[in-house]
C-alpha atoms as a PDB file:
ATOM      1  CA  UNK A   1       4.418 -31.734   2.276  1.00  0.00           C
ATOM      2  CA  UNK A   2       3.047 -32.948  -1.041  1.00  0.00           C
ATOM      3  CA  UNK A   3       3.119 -30.510  -3.925  1.00  0.00           C
ATOM      4  CA  UNK A   4       0.010 -30.174  -6.042  1.00  0.00           C
ATOM      5  CA  UNK A   5       0.095 -30.161  -9.810  1.00  0.00           C
ATOM      6  CA  UNK A   6       0.612 -26.702 -11.210  1.00  0.00           C
ATOM      7  CA  UNK A   7      -2.324 -24.436 -11.891  1.00  0.00           C
ATOM      8  CA  UNK A   8      -2.787 -24.044 -15.662  1.00  0.00           C
ATOM      9  CA  UNK A   9      -3.005 -20.272 -15.074  1.00  0.00           C
ATOM     10  CA  UNK A  10       0.737 -20.409 -14.281  1.00  0.00           C
ATOM     11  CA  UNK A  11       1.760 -21.429 -17.770  1.00  0.00           C
ATOM     12  CA  UNK A  12       1.199 -19.777 -21.095  1.00  0.00           C
ATOM     13  CA  UNK A  13      -1.094 -21.632 -23.498  1.00  0.00           C
ATOM     14  CA  UNK A  14       0.660 -24.742 -24.810  1.00  0.00           C
ATOM     15  CA  UNK A  15       1.381 -25.031 -28.505  1.00  0.00           C
ATOM     16  CA  UNK A  16      -1.080 -27.139 -30.471  1.00  0.00           C
ATOM     17  CA  UNK A  17      -0.568 -30.803 -29.719  1.00  0.00           C
ATOM     18  CA  UNK A  18       1.930 -30.332 -26.875  1.00  0.00           C
ATOM     19  CA  UNK A  19       1.284 -31.293 -23.270  1.00  0.00           C
ATOM     20  CA  UNK A  20       0.514 -28.574 -20.740  1.00  0.00           C
ATOM     21  CA  UNK A  21       3.617 -27.458 -18.811  1.00  0.00           C
ATOM     22  CA  UNK A  22       3.705 -28.546 -15.207  1.00  0.00           C
ATOM     23  CA  UNK A  23       5.535 -26.372 -12.692  1.00  0.00           C
ATOM     24  CA  UNK A  24       6.058 -27.918  -9.248  1.00  0.00           C
ATOM     25  CA  UNK A  25       4.478 -25.022  -7.341  1.00  0.00           C
ATOM     26  CA  UNK A  26       1.290 -24.415  -5.418  1.00  0.00           C
ATOM     27  CA  UNK A  27      -1.721 -23.271  -7.417  1.00  0.00           C
ATOM     28  CA  UNK A  28      -1.349 -19.673  -8.576  1.00  0.00           C
ATOM     29  CA  UNK A  29      -4.648 -18.743  -6.935  1.00  0.00           C
ATOM     30  CA  UNK A  30      -3.374 -20.091  -3.593  1.00  0.00           C
ATOM     31  CA  UNK A  31      -0.091 -18.205  -3.530  1.00  0.00           C
ATOM     32  CA  UNK A  32       0.211 -15.865  -0.550  1.00  0.00           C
ATOM     33  CA  UNK A  33       1.219 -12.812  -2.625  1.00  0.00           C
ATOM     34  CA  UNK A  34      -1.810 -13.263  -4.896  1.00  0.00           C
ATOM     35  CA  UNK A  35      -4.169 -13.764  -1.948  1.00  0.00           C
ATOM     36  CA  UNK A  36      -2.849 -10.584  -0.343  1.00  0.00           C
ATOM     37  CA  UNK A  37      -3.130  -8.657  -3.628  1.00  0.00           C
ATOM     38  CA  UNK A  38      -6.714  -9.817  -4.173  1.00  0.00           C
ATOM     39  CA  UNK A  39      -7.672  -8.799  -0.630  1.00  0.00           C
ATOM     40  CA  UNK A  40      -5.927  -5.424  -1.019  1.00  0.00           C
ATOM     41  CA  UNK A  41      -7.734  -4.817  -4.296  1.00  0.00           C
ATOM     42  CA  UNK A  42     -11.107  -5.702  -2.724  1.00  0.00           C
ATOM     43  CA  UNK A  43     -10.458  -3.199   0.076  1.00  0.00           C
ATOM     44  CA  UNK A  44      -9.089  -0.410  -2.121  1.00  0.00           C
ATOM     45  CA  UNK A  45     -12.007  -0.803  -4.532  1.00  0.00           C
ATOM     46  CA  UNK A  46     -14.168   0.532  -1.681  1.00  0.00           C
ATOM     47  CA  UNK A  47     -11.994   3.614  -1.104  1.00  0.00           C
ATOM     48  CA  UNK A  48     -11.073   4.678  -4.654  1.00  0.00           C
ATOM     49  CA  UNK A  49     -14.337   6.462  -5.541  1.00  0.00           C
ATOM     50  CA  UNK A  50     -14.062   8.661  -2.441  1.00  0.00           C
ATOM     51  CA  UNK A  51     -10.411   9.437  -3.130  1.00  0.00           C
ATOM     52  CA  UNK A  52     -11.240  10.306  -6.755  1.00  0.00           C
ATOM     53  CA  UNK A  53     -14.017  12.659  -5.586  1.00  0.00           C
ATOM     54  CA  UNK A  54     -11.350  14.552  -3.662  1.00  0.00           C
ATOM     55  CA  UNK A  55      -8.815  14.471  -6.494  1.00  0.00           C
ATOM     56  CA  UNK A  56      -6.468  12.075  -4.735  1.00  0.00           C
ATOM     57  CA  UNK A  57      -4.640   8.955  -5.814  1.00  0.00           C
ATOM     58  CA  UNK A  58      -4.101   6.040  -3.438  1.00  0.00           C
ATOM     59  CA  UNK A  59      -0.437   6.942  -3.113  1.00  0.00           C
ATOM     60  CA  UNK A  60      -1.193  10.624  -2.375  1.00  0.00           C
ATOM     61  CA  UNK A  61      -3.673   9.569   0.298  1.00  0.00           C
ATOM     62  CA  UNK A  62      -1.086   7.212   1.802  1.00  0.00           C
ATOM     63  CA  UNK A  63       1.390  10.090   2.038  1.00  0.00           C
ATOM     64  CA  UNK A  64      -1.153  12.440   3.627  1.00  0.00           C
ATOM     65  CA  UNK A  65      -2.191   9.737   6.110  1.00  0.00           C
ATOM     66  CA  UNK A  66       1.436   9.123   7.079  1.00  0.00           C
ATOM     67  CA  UNK A  67       2.124  12.858   7.446  1.00  0.00           C
ATOM     68  CA  UNK A  68      -1.015  13.470   9.518  1.00  0.00           C
ATOM     69  CA  UNK A  69       0.297  11.098  12.182  1.00  0.00           C
ATOM     70  CA  UNK A  70       3.584  12.975  12.738  1.00  0.00           C
ATOM     71  CA  UNK A  71       5.019  16.477  12.991  1.00  0.00           C
ATOM     72  CA  UNK A  72       7.510  16.160  10.114  1.00  0.00           C
ATOM     73  CA  UNK A  73       9.540  13.424   8.462  1.00  0.00           C
ATOM     74  CA  UNK A  74      12.637  13.132   6.297  1.00  0.00           C
ATOM     75  CA  UNK A  75      11.803  12.189   2.692  1.00  0.00           C
ATOM     76  CA  UNK A  76      13.722   8.890   2.718  1.00  0.00           C
ATOM     77  CA  UNK A  77      11.938   7.788   5.878  1.00  0.00           C
ATOM     78  CA  UNK A  78       8.599   8.804   4.346  1.00  0.00           C
ATOM     79  CA  UNK A  79       9.355   6.568   1.349  1.00  0.00           C
ATOM     80  CA  UNK A  80       9.902   3.620   3.711  1.00  0.00           C
ATOM     81  CA  UNK A  81       6.837   4.442   5.807  1.00  0.00           C
ATOM     82  CA  UNK A  82       4.519   4.761   2.797  1.00  0.00           C
ATOM     83  CA  UNK A  83       6.090   1.893   0.790  1.00  0.00           C
ATOM     84  CA  UNK A  84       6.944   4.050  -2.206  1.00  0.00           C
ATOM     85  CA  UNK A  85      10.045   4.205  -4.359  1.00  0.00           C
ATOM     86  CA  UNK A  86      12.033   7.448  -4.343  1.00  0.00           C
ATOM     87  CA  UNK A  87      11.225   8.592  -7.901  1.00  0.00           C
ATOM     88  CA  UNK A  88       7.488   8.017  -7.372  1.00  0.00           C
ATOM     89  CA  UNK A  89       7.586   9.780  -4.027  1.00  0.00           C
ATOM     90  CA  UNK A  90       9.362  12.789  -5.575  1.00  0.00           C
ATOM     91  CA  UNK A  91       6.619  13.155  -8.182  1.00  0.00           C
ATOM     92  CA  UNK A  92       3.839  12.704  -5.612  1.00  0.00           C
ATOM     93  CA  UNK A  93       5.401  15.253  -3.257  1.00  0.00           C
ATOM     94  CA  UNK A  94       5.777  17.734  -6.120  1.00  0.00           C
ATOM     95  CA  UNK A  95       2.064  17.321  -6.954  1.00  0.00           C
ATOM     96  CA  UNK A  96       0.954  17.611  -3.312  1.00  0.00           C
ATOM     97  CA  UNK A  97       3.161  20.668  -2.803  1.00  0.00           C
ATOM     98  CA  UNK A  98       1.698  22.330  -5.923  1.00  0.00           C
ATOM     99  CA  UNK A  99      -1.757  21.837  -4.362  1.00  0.00           C
ATOM    100  CA  UNK A 100      -0.492  23.301  -1.043  1.00  0.00           C
ATOM    101  CA  UNK A 101      -1.301  20.045   0.768  1.00  0.00           C
ATOM    102  CA  UNK A 102       2.219  19.558   2.136  1.00  0.00           C
ATOM    103  CA  UNK A 103       5.160  21.750   3.114  1.00  0.00           C
ATOM    104  CA  UNK A 104       8.835  21.025   2.489  1.00  0.00           C
ATOM    105  CA  UNK A 105      11.832  22.510   4.208  1.00  0.00           C
ATOM    106  CA  UNK A 106      15.517  21.763   4.456  1.00  0.00           C
ATOM    107  CA  UNK A 107      16.554  19.682   7.456  1.00  0.00           C
ATOM    108  CA  UNK A 108      18.440  21.748  10.045  1.00  0.00           C
ATOM    109  CA  UNK A 109      20.928  18.976  10.805  1.00  0.00           C
ATOM    110  CA  UNK A 110      21.756  18.239   7.161  1.00  0.00           C
ATOM    111  CA  UNK A 111      21.106  20.859   4.477  1.00  0.00           C
ATOM    112  CA  UNK A 112      21.080  18.119   1.801  1.00  0.00           C
ATOM    113  CA  UNK A 113      18.029  16.492   3.335  1.00  0.00           C
ATOM    114  CA  UNK A 114      14.421  17.569   2.985  1.00  0.00           C
ATOM    115  CA  UNK A 115      11.731  17.427   5.668  1.00  0.00           C
ATOM    116  CA  UNK A 116       8.060  17.106   4.791  1.00  0.00           C
ATOM    117  CA  UNK A 117       4.941  17.890   6.806  1.00  0.00           C
ATOM    118  CA  UNK A 118       1.245  18.166   6.112  1.00  0.00           C
ATOM    119  CA  UNK A 119      -0.048  21.714   5.598  1.00  0.00           C
ATOM    120  CA  UNK A 120      -3.208  23.310   6.997  1.00  0.00           C
ATOM    121  CA  UNK A 121      -4.805  22.754   3.569  1.00  0.00           C
ATOM    122  CA  UNK A 122      -3.780  19.090   3.714  1.00  0.00           C
ATOM    123  CA  UNK A 123      -5.355  18.713   7.148  1.00  0.00           C
ATOM    124  CA  UNK A 124      -8.558  20.358   5.843  1.00  0.00           C
ATOM    125  CA  UNK A 125      -8.668  17.967   2.884  1.00  0.00           C
ATOM    126  CA  UNK A 126      -8.164  14.980   5.171  1.00  0.00           C
ATOM    127  CA  UNK A 127     -10.953  16.232   7.413  1.00  0.00           C
ATOM    128  CA  UNK A 128     -13.282  16.330   4.405  1.00  0.00           C
ATOM    129  CA  UNK A 129     -12.317  12.795   3.320  1.00  0.00           C
ATOM    130  CA  UNK A 130     -12.374  11.309   6.836  1.00  0.00           C
ATOM    131  CA  UNK A 131     -16.153  10.886   7.345  1.00  0.00           C
ATOM    132  CA  UNK A 132     -16.562   8.886   4.146  1.00  0.00           C
ATOM    133  CA  UNK A 133     -13.401   6.912   4.856  1.00  0.00           C
ATOM    134  CA  UNK A 134     -14.661   6.008   8.322  1.00  0.00           C
ATOM    135  CA  UNK A 135     -18.057   5.035   6.868  1.00  0.00           C
ATOM    136  CA  UNK A 136     -16.273   2.684   4.461  1.00  0.00           C
ATOM    137  CA  UNK A 137     -14.282   1.187   7.353  1.00  0.00           C
ATOM    138  CA  UNK A 138     -17.540   0.718   9.273  1.00  0.00           C
ATOM    139  CA  UNK A 139     -19.125  -1.096   6.320  1.00  0.00           C
ATOM    140  CA  UNK A 140     -16.074  -3.336   5.893  1.00  0.00           C
ATOM    141  CA  UNK A 141     -16.212  -4.090   9.619  1.00  0.00           C
ATOM    142  CA  UNK A 142     -19.956  -4.816   9.441  1.00  0.00           C
ATOM    143  CA  UNK A 143     -19.521  -7.208   6.502  1.00  0.00           C
ATOM    144  CA  UNK A 144     -16.388  -8.986   7.703  1.00  0.00           C
ATOM    145  CA  UNK A 145     -16.896  -8.734  11.466  1.00  0.00           C
ATOM    146  CA  UNK A 146     -15.051  -6.618  14.015  1.00  0.00           C
ATOM    147  CA  UNK A 147     -13.398  -9.594  15.696  1.00  0.00           C
ATOM    148  CA  UNK A 148     -12.254 -11.143  12.412  1.00  0.00           C
ATOM    149  CA  UNK A 149     -10.941  -7.796  11.140  1.00  0.00           C
ATOM    150  CA  UNK A 150      -8.999  -7.249  14.352  1.00  0.00           C
ATOM    151  CA  UNK A 151      -7.598 -10.793  14.189  1.00  0.00           C
ATOM    152  CA  UNK A 152      -6.669 -10.317  10.524  1.00  0.00           C
ATOM    153  CA  UNK A 153      -4.787  -7.110  11.265  1.00  0.00           C
ATOM    154  CA  UNK A 154      -3.034  -8.801  14.168  1.00  0.00           C
ATOM    155  CA  UNK A 155      -2.088 -11.825  12.041  1.00  0.00           C
ATOM    156  CA  UNK A 156      -0.814  -9.606   9.208  1.00  0.00           C
ATOM    157  CA  UNK A 157       1.351  -7.737  11.725  1.00  0.00           C
ATOM    158  CA  UNK A 158       2.673 -11.052  13.028  1.00  0.00           C
ATOM    159  CA  UNK A 159       3.392 -12.240   9.485  1.00  0.00           C
ATOM    160  CA  UNK A 160       5.292  -9.034   8.749  1.00  0.00           C
ATOM    161  CA  UNK A 161       7.302  -9.370  11.975  1.00  0.00           C
ATOM    162  CA  UNK A 162       8.075 -13.049  11.396  1.00  0.00           C
ATOM    163  CA  UNK A 163       9.448 -12.265   7.925  1.00  0.00           C
ATOM    164  CA  UNK A 164      11.439  -9.180   8.957  1.00  0.00           C
ATOM    165  CA  UNK A 165      15.124  -9.653   8.263  1.00  0.00           C
ATOM    166  CA  UNK A 166      14.576 -12.938   6.433  1.00  0.00           C
ATOM    167  CA  UNK A 167      17.535 -12.086   4.199  1.00  0.00           C
ATOM    168  CA  UNK A 168      15.835 -10.059   1.515  1.00  0.00           C
ATOM    169  CA  UNK A 169      17.717 -10.281  -1.747  1.00  0.00           C
ATOM    170  CA  UNK A 170      15.845  -7.289  -3.162  1.00  0.00           C
ATOM    171  CA  UNK A 171      14.916  -4.549  -0.721  1.00  0.00           C
ATOM    172  CA  UNK A 172      12.979  -2.455  -3.226  1.00  0.00           C
ATOM    173  CA  UNK A 173       9.622  -1.249  -1.998  1.00  0.00           C
ATOM    174  CA  UNK A 174       6.280  -2.156  -3.503  1.00  0.00           C
ATOM    175  CA  UNK A 175       4.497   0.476  -5.544  1.00  0.00           C
ATOM    176  CA  UNK A 176       0.792   0.744  -5.159  1.00  0.00           C
END
């Protein structure tokens, strides 16, 4: 495989009179993480106004969506499921609990652990957000195509599975 010259966006501006730095990497704009981030941003840009109308952040919505799919979950597992770091999750849960959107209780098996579930108020809020959310999904599907969207989701799942256990040096979760 031949490596392309580095994308100038990779390097800081060269000092006057010096040659541009060349890094033997693929173009910045063609890196997989950047492509995935750009696509995520394009998708989330569609959902943010609706979430804001309901007083929710993306991370709060992610938590409510995860909780709506299950009876209850231990906080550490919720952090993994929603791809949030512990300190961020603690703050988000505190905010959601103050709004009566979730309920917390001590785990029966281990009193040191906390279980979280969505409350009736949380379910009501989700029900009010759901029609607009589904309309946004329908518009994304209309623009991109149902078949292509399904294939994309399948390929992303395959990518995730193929990289699972690749020997991660840093297992910290992504925020956002």
